[in-house]
Amino acid sequence: MTPSNNSKTIQRRRFLGLMAGSAAILATTKPRATQAKASAKTAKDTRALSFYNTHTRETLDVVYFDNGKYDTRGLRKLNKILRDHRQNELIEMDTGLYEQLWTLQQKLGSTGVFQIISGYRSPKTNSLLRKKSSGVAKKSYHMQGRAIDVRLTDVPLRKLRSAALKMGAGGVGYYPASDFIHLDTGPVRSWGS
């Protein structure tokens, strides 16, 4: 083999090695929401949330994660309080939402209660709300159990929005005139001023 061919072989091997390494990294990289769920499932802690539903006036203090795993009873209670109160329908909500809320509360040092404006929305309710407001999305994440509209009793709305944006964990909508923020587990994006 000539020195020129040897150099080409080494460059080719280096290139193939880099490509294989890149493929391995990409194959083991999980989407952001999956990473949040995976870290929650391996953590050995207790996570609890407090809610007040502004429409039904129900309250809930619930442990939803304990000893490294989600608590099934706690999740059922969360699904119930976040149900579509207009149709009395519920759905299994995305646990990524609870992780976002819990993380927000921790980052802000809050002991407040999340006031629920909207959780799950049935297609029928979403359609009715779309007729009343142009701000309701046709394919809303609320209909998939992947969105919540809330405020936090001991944190100013602007500060809550700012912390949610810094997390970069999904969609963040800001509705100061209605006094709530929207959070979802979809792609990272934001709206409202």
N, C-alpha and C. Protein backbone atom coordinates (compact mmCIF):
# COMPACT_ATOMS: atom_id res chain seq x y z
N MET A 1 0.85 -1.16 0.00
CA MET A 1 0.00 0.00 0.00
C MET A 1 0.90 1.24 0.00
N THR A 2 0.59 2.21 -0.82
CA THR A 2 1.40 3.43 -0.90
C THR A 2 1.01 4.37 0.23
N PRO A 3 1.89 5.33 0.61
CA PRO A 3 1.54 6.28 1.66
C PRO A 3 0.24 7.02 1.37
N SER A 4 -0.03 7.33 0.10
CA SER A 4 -1.24 8.05 -0.26
C SER A 4 -2.49 7.20 0.01
N ASN A 5 -2.44 5.90 -0.36
CA ASN A 5 -3.57 5.00 -0.11
C ASN A 5 -3.77 4.77 1.39
N ASN A 6 -2.67 4.66 2.13
CA ASN A 6 -2.73 4.46 3.57
C ASN A 6 -3.43 5.65 4.23
N SER A 7 -3.12 6.86 3.81
CA SER A 7 -3.73 8.08 4.35
C SER A 7 -5.23 8.10 4.07
N LYS A 8 -5.61 7.69 2.84
CA LYS A 8 -7.03 7.66 2.48
C LYS A 8 -7.78 6.64 3.32
N THR A 9 -7.14 5.49 3.58
CA THR A 9 -7.75 4.44 4.39
C THR A 9 -7.98 4.94 5.82
N ILE A 10 -6.99 5.63 6.39
CA ILE A 10 -7.12 6.17 7.75
C ILE A 10 -8.23 7.21 7.80
N GLN A 11 -8.29 8.11 6.80
CA GLN A 11 -9.33 9.13 6.77
C GLN A 11 -10.71 8.48 6.65
N ARG A 12 -10.81 7.46 5.81
CA ARG A 12 -12.08 6.77 5.63
C ARG A 12 -12.51 6.09 6.93
N ARG A 13 -11.57 5.43 7.60
CA ARG A 13 -11.88 4.77 8.88
C ARG A 13 -12.31 5.80 9.93
N ARG A 14 -11.62 6.92 9.98
CA ARG A 14 -11.97 7.98 10.94
C ARG A 14 -13.39 8.49 10.66
N PHE A 15 -13.69 8.73 9.37
CA PHE A 15 -15.02 9.20 8.97
C PHE A 15 -16.10 8.18 9.37
N LEU A 16 -15.86 6.90 9.05
CA LEU A 16 -16.84 5.86 9.39
C LEU A 16 -17.01 5.74 10.91
N GLY A 17 -15.91 5.88 11.64
CA GLY A 17 -15.99 5.84 13.10
C GLY A 17 -16.81 6.98 13.66
N LEU A 18 -16.60 8.18 13.12
CA LEU A 18 -17.38 9.34 13.55
C LEU A 18 -18.86 9.16 13.24
N MET A 19 -19.16 8.65 12.07
CA MET A 19 -20.56 8.43 11.68
C MET A 19 -21.22 7.39 12.58
N ALA A 20 -20.51 6.31 12.88
CA ALA A 20 -21.05 5.27 13.76
C ALA A 20 -21.29 5.83 15.15
N GLY A 21 -20.37 6.64 15.65
CA GLY A 21 -20.52 7.26 16.96
C GLY A 21 -21.70 8.20 17.00
N SER A 22 -21.87 8.99 15.95
CA SER A 22 -23.01 9.92 15.86
C SER A 22 -24.32 9.16 15.83
N ALA A 23 -24.37 8.07 15.08
CA ALA A 23 -25.58 7.26 14.99
C ALA A 23 -25.92 6.67 16.35
N ALA A 24 -24.91 6.23 17.09
CA ALA A 24 -25.14 5.65 18.42
C ALA A 24 -25.70 6.71 19.37
N ILE A 25 -25.16 7.91 19.31
CA ILE A 25 -25.66 8.99 20.17
C ILE A 25 -27.11 9.32 19.83
N LEU A 26 -27.41 9.44 18.54
CA LEU A 26 -28.78 9.75 18.13
C LEU A 26 -29.74 8.64 18.51
N ALA A 27 -29.31 7.41 18.41
CA ALA A 27 -30.17 6.28 18.74
C ALA A 27 -30.51 6.24 20.22
N THR A 28 -29.61 6.75 21.07
CA THR A 28 -29.87 6.71 22.51
C THR A 28 -30.44 8.01 23.04
N THR A 29 -30.57 9.02 22.20
CA THR A 29 -31.14 10.29 22.62
C THR A 29 -32.66 10.19 22.56
N LYS A 30 -33.32 10.55 23.66
CA LYS A 30 -34.77 10.48 23.71
C LYS A 30 -35.35 11.88 23.55
N PRO A 31 -36.58 11.98 23.03
CA PRO A 31 -37.24 13.28 22.98
C PRO A 31 -37.37 13.85 24.39
N ARG A 32 -37.49 15.18 24.49
CA ARG A 32 -37.53 15.88 25.77
C ARG A 32 -38.60 15.32 26.72
N ALA A 33 -39.82 15.11 26.22
CA ALA A 33 -40.89 14.61 27.09
C ALA A 33 -40.57 13.22 27.61
N THR A 34 -39.99 12.38 26.76
CA THR A 34 -39.62 11.03 27.17
C THR A 34 -38.52 11.08 28.22
N GLN A 35 -37.57 12.00 28.06
CA GLN A 35 -36.51 12.16 29.06
C GLN A 35 -37.11 12.54 30.41
N ALA A 36 -38.08 13.45 30.40
CA ALA A 36 -38.70 13.88 31.65
C ALA A 36 -39.38 12.71 32.33
N LYS A 37 -40.09 11.90 31.55
CA LYS A 37 -40.77 10.74 32.11
C LYS A 37 -39.77 9.72 32.64
N ALA A 38 -38.71 9.48 31.88
CA ALA A 38 -37.70 8.51 32.29
C ALA A 38 -37.02 8.95 33.58
N SER A 39 -36.69 10.23 33.68
CA SER A 39 -36.03 10.69 34.90
C SER A 39 -36.98 10.62 36.08
N ALA A 40 -38.26 10.87 35.84
CA ALA A 40 -39.24 10.78 36.91
C ALA A 40 -39.38 9.34 37.40
N LYS A 41 -39.32 8.40 36.47
CA LYS A 41 -39.49 6.99 36.83
C LYS A 41 -38.29 6.44 37.60
N THR A 42 -37.13 7.04 37.45
CA THR A 42 -35.96 6.54 38.14
C THR A 42 -35.64 7.31 39.41
N ALA A 43 -36.24 8.47 39.57
CA ALA A 43 -35.96 9.26 40.78
C ALA A 43 -36.61 8.60 41.99
N LYS A 44 -35.95 8.72 43.13
CA LYS A 44 -36.48 8.12 44.36
C LYS A 44 -36.98 9.24 45.28
N ASP A 45 -38.08 9.86 44.88
CA ASP A 45 -38.62 10.94 45.68
C ASP A 45 -40.14 10.91 45.63
N THR A 46 -40.74 11.81 46.38
CA THR A 46 -42.18 11.95 46.41
C THR A 46 -42.54 13.28 45.78
N ARG A 47 -43.51 13.24 44.90
CA ARG A 47 -43.96 14.47 44.24
C ARG A 47 -45.46 14.61 44.45
N ALA A 48 -45.84 15.80 44.88
CA ALA A 48 -47.25 16.08 45.16
C ALA A 48 -47.63 17.41 44.55
N LEU A 49 -48.90 17.55 44.24
CA LEU A 49 -49.44 18.80 43.70
C LEU A 49 -50.76 19.12 44.40
N SER A 50 -51.08 20.40 44.44
CA SER A 50 -52.36 20.86 44.98
C SER A 50 -53.11 21.63 43.91
N PHE A 51 -54.40 21.32 43.78
CA PHE A 51 -55.23 21.95 42.75
C PHE A 51 -56.54 22.47 43.32
N TYR A 52 -57.05 23.47 42.63
CA TYR A 52 -58.40 23.98 42.85
C TYR A 52 -59.01 24.17 41.47
N ASN A 53 -60.13 23.50 41.21
CA ASN A 53 -60.79 23.63 39.92
C ASN A 53 -61.75 24.82 40.00
N THR A 54 -61.49 25.85 39.21
CA THR A 54 -62.27 27.09 39.28
C THR A 54 -63.71 26.93 38.80
N HIS A 55 -64.01 25.86 38.09
CA HIS A 55 -65.37 25.64 37.59
C HIS A 55 -66.19 24.76 38.51
N THR A 56 -65.58 23.72 39.05
CA THR A 56 -66.32 22.77 39.90
C THR A 56 -66.12 23.03 41.39
N ARG A 57 -65.15 23.87 41.71
CA ARG A 57 -64.76 24.21 43.09
C ARG A 57 -64.21 23.02 43.87
N GLU A 58 -63.80 22.00 43.15
CA GLU A 58 -63.16 20.85 43.79
C GLU A 58 -61.72 21.21 44.15
N THR A 59 -61.24 20.61 45.23
CA THR A 59 -59.84 20.76 45.61
C THR A 59 -59.19 19.38 45.64
N LEU A 60 -57.88 19.38 45.46
CA LEU A 60 -57.15 18.12 45.49
C LEU A 60 -55.72 18.37 45.92
N ASP A 61 -55.30 17.66 46.95
CA ASP A 61 -53.89 17.57 47.35
C ASP A 61 -53.52 16.11 47.11
N VAL A 62 -52.58 15.87 46.21
CA VAL A 62 -52.34 14.50 45.81
C VAL A 62 -50.86 14.21 45.60
N VAL A 63 -50.45 13.03 46.06
CA VAL A 63 -49.13 12.49 45.72
C VAL A 63 -49.34 11.71 44.43
N TYR A 64 -48.62 12.10 43.39
CA TYR A 64 -48.77 11.42 42.10
C TYR A 64 -47.55 10.58 41.74
N PHE A 65 -46.49 10.75 42.51
CA PHE A 65 -45.24 10.04 42.24
C PHE A 65 -44.59 9.72 43.58
N ASP A 66 -44.26 8.45 43.80
CA ASP A 66 -43.68 8.07 45.09
C ASP A 66 -42.75 6.88 44.91
N ASN A 67 -41.64 6.94 45.60
CA ASN A 67 -40.68 5.83 45.62
C ASN A 67 -40.27 5.39 44.21
N GLY A 68 -40.01 6.37 43.35
CA GLY A 68 -39.49 6.05 42.02
C GLY A 68 -40.51 5.66 40.97
N LYS A 69 -41.81 5.78 41.28
CA LYS A 69 -42.80 5.42 40.26
C LYS A 69 -44.08 6.24 40.44
N TYR A 70 -44.84 6.29 39.35
CA TYR A 70 -46.11 7.01 39.41
C TYR A 70 -47.11 6.24 40.26
N ASP A 71 -47.90 6.97 41.02
CA ASP A 71 -48.93 6.40 41.89
C ASP A 71 -50.24 6.35 41.10
N THR A 72 -50.72 5.15 40.83
CA THR A 72 -51.91 4.97 40.00
C THR A 72 -53.13 5.66 40.57
N ARG A 73 -53.35 5.54 41.88
CA ARG A 73 -54.50 6.20 42.50
C ARG A 73 -54.40 7.72 42.40
N GLY A 74 -53.20 8.22 42.61
CA GLY A 74 -52.98 9.67 42.48
C GLY A 74 -53.26 10.16 41.07
N LEU A 75 -52.81 9.40 40.08
CA LEU A 75 -53.04 9.78 38.68
C LEU A 75 -54.53 9.76 38.34
N ARG A 76 -55.27 8.78 38.89
CA ARG A 76 -56.72 8.73 38.65
C ARG A 76 -57.41 9.97 39.22
N LYS A 77 -56.97 10.39 40.41
CA LYS A 77 -57.55 11.59 41.03
C LYS A 77 -57.25 12.83 40.19
N LEU A 78 -56.04 12.89 39.65
CA LEU A 78 -55.67 14.02 38.79
C LEU A 78 -56.51 14.02 37.51
N ASN A 79 -56.69 12.85 36.91
CA ASN A 79 -57.52 12.75 35.71
C ASN A 79 -58.93 13.25 35.98
N LYS A 80 -59.43 12.94 37.18
CA LYS A 80 -60.80 13.34 37.53
C LYS A 80 -60.92 14.85 37.69
N ILE A 81 -60.01 15.47 38.43
CA ILE A 81 -60.13 16.92 38.66
C ILE A 81 -59.86 17.72 37.38
N LEU A 82 -59.12 17.12 36.44
CA LEU A 82 -58.82 17.80 35.17
C LEU A 82 -59.80 17.42 34.06
N ARG A 83 -60.88 16.72 34.42
CA ARG A 83 -61.85 16.28 33.42
C ARG A 83 -62.53 17.48 32.74
N ASP A 84 -63.17 17.18 31.63
CA ASP A 84 -64.02 18.17 30.95
C ASP A 84 -65.30 18.27 31.78
N HIS A 85 -65.42 19.33 32.56
CA HIS A 85 -66.57 19.46 33.46
C HIS A 85 -67.87 19.71 32.70
N ARG A 86 -67.79 20.23 31.49
CA ARG A 86 -69.00 20.50 30.70
C ARG A 86 -69.67 19.20 30.24
N GLN A 87 -68.85 18.22 29.86
CA GLN A 87 -69.36 16.93 29.38
C GLN A 87 -69.20 15.82 30.42
N ASN A 88 -68.54 16.13 31.52
CA ASN A 88 -68.20 15.16 32.56
C ASN A 88 -67.46 13.96 31.97
N GLU A 89 -66.48 14.25 31.10
CA GLU A 89 -65.65 13.21 30.49
C GLU A 89 -64.22 13.39 30.96
N LEU A 90 -63.55 12.26 31.15
CA LEU A 90 -62.14 12.35 31.51
C LEU A 90 -61.31 11.48 30.59
N ILE A 91 -60.02 11.73 30.64
CA ILE A 91 -59.05 11.03 29.81
C ILE A 91 -57.79 10.86 30.66
N GLU A 92 -56.95 9.92 30.30
CA GLU A 92 -55.67 9.78 30.98
C GLU A 92 -54.77 10.93 30.53
N MET A 93 -54.45 11.82 31.46
CA MET A 93 -53.64 12.99 31.14
C MET A 93 -52.17 12.60 31.01
N ASP A 94 -51.44 13.37 30.24
CA ASP A 94 -50.01 13.16 30.04
C ASP A 94 -49.27 13.49 31.34
N THR A 95 -48.54 12.53 31.87
CA THR A 95 -47.80 12.76 33.12
C THR A 95 -46.73 13.83 32.96
N GLY A 96 -46.33 14.10 31.73
CA GLY A 96 -45.37 15.18 31.49
C GLY A 96 -45.89 16.53 31.97
N LEU A 97 -47.22 16.72 31.94
CA LEU A 97 -47.81 17.96 32.47
C LEU A 97 -47.55 18.09 33.97
N TYR A 98 -47.73 16.99 34.69
CA TYR A 98 -47.52 17.02 36.13
C TYR A 98 -46.06 17.31 36.45
N GLU A 99 -45.17 16.75 35.63
CA GLU A 99 -43.74 17.01 35.83
C GLU A 99 -43.43 18.49 35.59
N GLN A 100 -44.06 19.08 34.58
CA GLN A 100 -43.86 20.50 34.33
C GLN A 100 -44.34 21.34 35.51
N LEU A 101 -45.53 21.04 36.00
CA LEU A 101 -46.10 21.80 37.11
C LEU A 101 -45.25 21.65 38.37
N TRP A 102 -44.86 20.41 38.66
CA TRP A 102 -44.05 20.16 39.86
C TRP A 102 -42.71 20.88 39.75
N THR A 103 -42.08 20.80 38.59
CA THR A 103 -40.79 21.46 38.38
C THR A 103 -40.92 22.97 38.51
N LEU A 104 -41.98 23.53 37.95
CA LEU A 104 -42.22 24.97 38.09
C LEU A 104 -42.32 25.35 39.56
N GLN A 105 -43.10 24.60 40.30
CA GLN A 105 -43.29 24.90 41.71
C GLN A 105 -41.96 24.84 42.47
N GLN A 106 -41.15 23.84 42.16
CA GLN A 106 -39.85 23.70 42.82
C GLN A 106 -38.93 24.86 42.47
N LYS A 107 -38.86 25.21 41.19
CA LYS A 107 -37.98 26.29 40.75
C LYS A 107 -38.38 27.63 41.35
N LEU A 108 -39.68 27.82 41.55
CA LEU A 108 -40.19 29.09 42.08
C LEU A 108 -40.26 29.11 43.61
N GLY A 109 -39.99 27.98 44.25
CA GLY A 109 -40.09 27.91 45.71
C GLY A 109 -41.51 28.13 46.20
N SER A 110 -42.47 27.70 45.41
CA SER A 110 -43.88 27.94 45.70
C SER A 110 -44.49 26.84 46.57
N THR A 111 -45.40 27.25 47.43
CA THR A 111 -46.22 26.29 48.19
C THR A 111 -47.69 26.51 47.85
N GLY A 112 -47.94 27.25 46.77
CA GLY A 112 -49.29 27.61 46.39
C GLY A 112 -50.07 26.48 45.75
N VAL A 113 -51.29 26.82 45.38
CA VAL A 113 -52.23 25.89 44.77
C VAL A 113 -52.39 26.27 43.30
N PHE A 114 -52.36 25.27 42.43
CA PHE A 114 -52.63 25.51 41.02
C PHE A 114 -54.14 25.62 40.83
N GLN A 115 -54.57 26.75 40.32
CA GLN A 115 -55.99 26.94 40.01
C GLN A 115 -56.20 26.55 38.55
N ILE A 116 -57.06 25.57 38.35
CA ILE A 116 -57.32 25.02 37.02
C ILE A 116 -58.38 25.84 36.30
N ILE A 117 -58.02 26.35 35.14
CA ILE A 117 -58.97 27.03 34.27
C ILE A 117 -59.50 26.01 33.26
N SER A 118 -58.58 25.21 32.72
CA SER A 118 -58.97 24.18 31.75
C SER A 118 -57.94 23.06 31.75
N GLY A 119 -58.45 21.85 31.74
CA GLY A 119 -57.60 20.66 31.62
C GLY A 119 -57.99 19.94 30.35
N TYR A 120 -58.54 18.74 30.51
CA TYR A 120 -59.00 17.99 29.34
C TYR A 120 -60.22 18.68 28.75
N ARG A 121 -60.30 18.67 27.42
CA ARG A 121 -61.48 19.14 26.70
C ARG A 121 -61.90 18.07 25.70
N SER A 122 -63.15 17.69 25.77
CA SER A 122 -63.68 16.76 24.77
C SER A 122 -63.76 17.50 23.43
N PRO A 123 -63.79 16.76 22.33
CA PRO A 123 -63.94 17.42 21.03
C PRO A 123 -65.19 18.31 20.98
N LYS A 124 -66.28 17.86 21.62
CA LYS A 124 -67.52 18.65 21.62
C LYS A 124 -67.30 19.99 22.33
N THR A 125 -66.68 19.95 23.51
CA THR A 125 -66.42 21.19 24.25
C THR A 125 -65.46 22.09 23.49
N ASN A 126 -64.43 21.50 22.91
CA ASN A 126 -63.46 22.30 22.16
C ASN A 126 -64.15 23.03 21.00
N SER A 127 -65.05 22.33 20.33
CA SER A 127 -65.79 22.92 19.22
C SER A 127 -66.66 24.08 19.70
N LEU A 128 -67.34 23.89 20.82
CA LEU A 128 -68.17 24.96 21.40
C LEU A 128 -67.32 26.18 21.77
N LEU A 129 -66.16 25.95 22.37
CA LEU A 129 -65.29 27.05 22.77
C LEU A 129 -64.70 27.77 21.55
N ARG A 130 -64.44 27.02 20.48
CA ARG A 130 -63.92 27.63 19.25
C ARG A 130 -64.93 28.60 18.64
N LYS A 131 -66.21 28.30 18.80
CA LYS A 131 -67.25 29.20 18.28
C LYS A 131 -67.30 30.51 19.06
N LYS A 132 -66.88 30.46 20.33
CA LYS A 132 -66.90 31.65 21.19
C LYS A 132 -65.61 32.46 21.13
N SER A 133 -64.49 31.80 20.81
CA SER A 133 -63.19 32.47 20.87
C SER A 133 -62.26 32.02 19.75
N SER A 134 -61.60 32.97 19.13
CA SER A 134 -60.63 32.64 18.08
C SER A 134 -59.33 32.08 18.67
N GLY A 135 -59.17 32.18 19.99
CA GLY A 135 -57.94 31.71 20.64
C GLY A 135 -57.92 30.22 20.93
N VAL A 136 -58.98 29.51 20.57
CA VAL A 136 -59.05 28.06 20.83
C VAL A 136 -58.63 27.31 19.57
N ALA A 137 -57.60 26.50 19.70
CA ALA A 137 -57.05 25.76 18.55
C ALA A 137 -57.98 24.63 18.12
N LYS A 138 -58.07 24.41 16.82
CA LYS A 138 -58.91 23.34 16.28
C LYS A 138 -58.43 21.97 16.75
N LYS A 139 -57.11 21.77 16.75
CA LYS A 139 -56.52 20.50 17.19
C LYS A 139 -55.79 20.71 18.52
N SER A 140 -56.51 21.25 19.47
CA SER A 140 -55.94 21.62 20.77
C SER A 140 -55.32 20.43 21.50
N TYR A 141 -54.18 20.68 22.14
CA TYR A 141 -53.56 19.66 22.98
C TYR A 141 -54.45 19.32 24.18
N HIS A 142 -55.39 20.19 24.52
CA HIS A 142 -56.34 19.89 25.60
C HIS A 142 -57.13 18.62 25.26
N MET A 143 -57.45 18.42 23.99
CA MET A 143 -58.25 17.25 23.58
C MET A 143 -57.45 15.95 23.67
N GLN A 144 -56.14 16.05 23.78
CA GLN A 144 -55.29 14.87 23.90
C GLN A 144 -54.84 14.64 25.34
N GLY A 145 -55.31 15.47 26.26
CA GLY A 145 -54.86 15.35 27.65
C GLY A 145 -53.41 15.79 27.81
N ARG A 146 -52.97 16.71 26.96
CA ARG A 146 -51.57 17.15 26.97
C ARG A 146 -51.44 18.64 27.26
N ALA A 147 -52.51 19.28 27.78
CA ALA A 147 -52.46 20.72 28.04
C ALA A 147 -53.26 21.08 29.27
N ILE A 148 -52.87 22.18 29.88
CA ILE A 148 -53.57 22.70 31.05
C ILE A 148 -53.44 24.22 31.05
N ASP A 149 -54.51 24.89 31.47
CA ASP A 149 -54.50 26.34 31.67
C ASP A 149 -54.60 26.57 33.17
N VAL A 150 -53.62 27.26 33.74
CA VAL A 150 -53.55 27.42 35.20
C VAL A 150 -52.99 28.78 35.61
N ARG A 151 -53.17 29.05 36.88
CA ARG A 151 -52.42 30.10 37.58
C ARG A 151 -51.99 29.48 38.90
N LEU A 152 -51.02 30.09 39.55
CA LEU A 152 -50.48 29.58 40.81
C LEU A 152 -50.70 30.66 41.86
N THR A 153 -51.38 30.30 42.95
CA THR A 153 -51.88 31.30 43.89
C THR A 153 -50.82 32.21 44.51
N ASP A 154 -49.61 31.74 44.71
CA ASP A 154 -48.61 32.57 45.38
C ASP A 154 -47.50 33.09 44.45
N VAL A 155 -47.75 33.02 43.14
CA VAL A 155 -46.74 33.48 42.17
C VAL A 155 -47.41 34.41 41.15
N PRO A 156 -46.87 35.60 40.94
CA PRO A 156 -47.43 36.48 39.91
C PRO A 156 -47.39 35.80 38.54
N LEU A 157 -48.41 36.05 37.75
CA LEU A 157 -48.56 35.38 36.45
C LEU A 157 -47.34 35.58 35.55
N ARG A 158 -46.81 36.79 35.50
CA ARG A 158 -45.65 37.08 34.64
C ARG A 158 -44.44 36.23 35.07
N LYS A 159 -44.27 36.07 36.37
CA LYS A 159 -43.15 35.28 36.90
C LYS A 159 -43.35 33.79 36.57
N LEU A 160 -44.59 33.33 36.67
CA LEU A 160 -44.92 31.94 36.34
C LEU A 160 -44.61 31.67 34.86
N ARG A 161 -45.03 32.58 34.01
CA ARG A 161 -44.76 32.46 32.57
C ARG A 161 -43.26 32.43 32.30
N SER A 162 -42.53 33.33 32.93
CA SER A 162 -41.08 33.42 32.72
C SER A 162 -40.39 32.11 33.10
N ALA A 163 -40.78 31.54 34.23
CA ALA A 163 -40.19 30.27 34.68
C ALA A 163 -40.55 29.14 33.72
N ALA A 164 -41.79 29.13 33.22
CA ALA A 164 -42.21 28.09 32.27
C ALA A 164 -41.42 28.20 30.97
N LEU A 165 -41.18 29.41 30.50
CA LEU A 165 -40.40 29.61 29.28
C LEU A 165 -38.97 29.12 29.46
N LYS A 166 -38.39 29.40 30.62
CA LYS A 166 -37.00 28.98 30.89
C LYS A 166 -36.86 27.46 30.92
N MET A 167 -37.92 26.76 31.32
CA MET A 167 -37.87 25.30 31.35
C MET A 167 -37.73 24.71 29.95
N GLY A 168 -38.33 25.35 28.96
CA GLY A 168 -38.26 24.85 27.59
C GLY A 168 -38.82 23.45 27.45
N ALA A 169 -39.95 23.18 28.10
CA ALA A 169 -40.48 21.82 28.13
C ALA A 169 -41.70 21.60 27.25
N GLY A 170 -42.17 22.61 26.54
CA GLY A 170 -43.37 22.47 25.71
C GLY A 170 -43.92 23.83 25.37
N GLY A 171 -45.20 23.87 25.05
CA GLY A 171 -45.84 25.14 24.70
C GLY A 171 -46.19 25.95 25.93
N VAL A 172 -46.01 27.27 25.81
CA VAL A 172 -46.37 28.20 26.89
C VAL A 172 -47.15 29.35 26.28
N GLY A 173 -48.41 29.48 26.69
CA GLY A 173 -49.24 30.60 26.26
C GLY A 173 -49.47 31.53 27.43
N TYR A 174 -49.54 32.81 27.15
CA TYR A 174 -49.68 33.83 28.21
C TYR A 174 -50.96 34.61 27.96
N TYR A 175 -51.87 34.58 28.94
CA TYR A 175 -53.16 35.24 28.83
C TYR A 175 -53.39 36.13 30.05
N PRO A 176 -52.68 37.27 30.14
CA PRO A 176 -52.80 38.12 31.32
C PRO A 176 -54.20 38.70 31.54
N ALA A 177 -54.93 38.99 30.47
CA ALA A 177 -56.28 39.54 30.62
C ALA A 177 -57.22 38.53 31.27
N SER A 178 -56.96 37.25 31.06
CA SER A 178 -57.78 36.19 31.66
C SER A 178 -57.10 35.58 32.88
N ASP A 179 -55.90 36.04 33.20
CA ASP A 179 -55.15 35.64 34.39
C ASP A 179 -54.81 34.14 34.43
N PHE A 180 -54.22 33.64 33.33
CA PHE A 180 -53.72 32.26 33.35
C PHE A 180 -52.64 32.09 32.30
N ILE A 181 -51.87 31.00 32.47
CA ILE A 181 -50.94 30.57 31.43
C ILE A 181 -51.39 29.19 30.94
N HIS A 182 -51.04 28.91 29.71
CA HIS A 182 -51.29 27.61 29.10
C HIS A 182 -49.96 26.87 29.09
N LEU A 183 -49.98 25.60 29.48
CA LEU A 183 -48.81 24.73 29.37
C LEU A 183 -49.23 23.48 28.60
N ASP A 184 -48.34 23.00 27.74
CA ASP A 184 -48.61 21.72 27.09
C ASP A 184 -47.31 20.97 26.87
N THR A 185 -47.46 19.71 26.49
CA THR A 185 -46.30 18.84 26.28
C THR A 185 -45.95 18.69 24.80
N GLY A 186 -46.43 19.62 24.00
CA GLY A 186 -46.11 19.62 22.58
C GLY A 186 -44.73 20.22 22.35
N PRO A 187 -44.45 20.61 21.10
CA PRO A 187 -43.16 21.23 20.78
C PRO A 187 -42.95 22.52 21.57
N VAL A 188 -41.70 22.88 21.79
CA VAL A 188 -41.37 24.11 22.50
C VAL A 188 -41.75 25.29 21.62
N ARG A 189 -42.63 26.15 22.15
CA ARG A 189 -43.07 27.35 21.46
C ARG A 189 -43.77 28.23 22.48
N SER A 190 -44.00 29.49 22.13
CA SER A 190 -44.70 30.38 23.06
C SER A 190 -45.50 31.41 22.29
N TRP A 191 -46.50 31.97 22.96
CA TRP A 191 -47.33 33.01 22.36
C TRP A 191 -47.91 33.86 23.49
N GLY A 192 -48.42 35.02 23.12
CA GLY A 192 -48.96 35.97 24.09
C GLY A 192 -47.89 36.93 24.55
N SER A 193 -48.32 38.14 24.90
CA SER A 193 -47.31 39.12 25.34
C SER A 193 -47.69 39.75 26.66
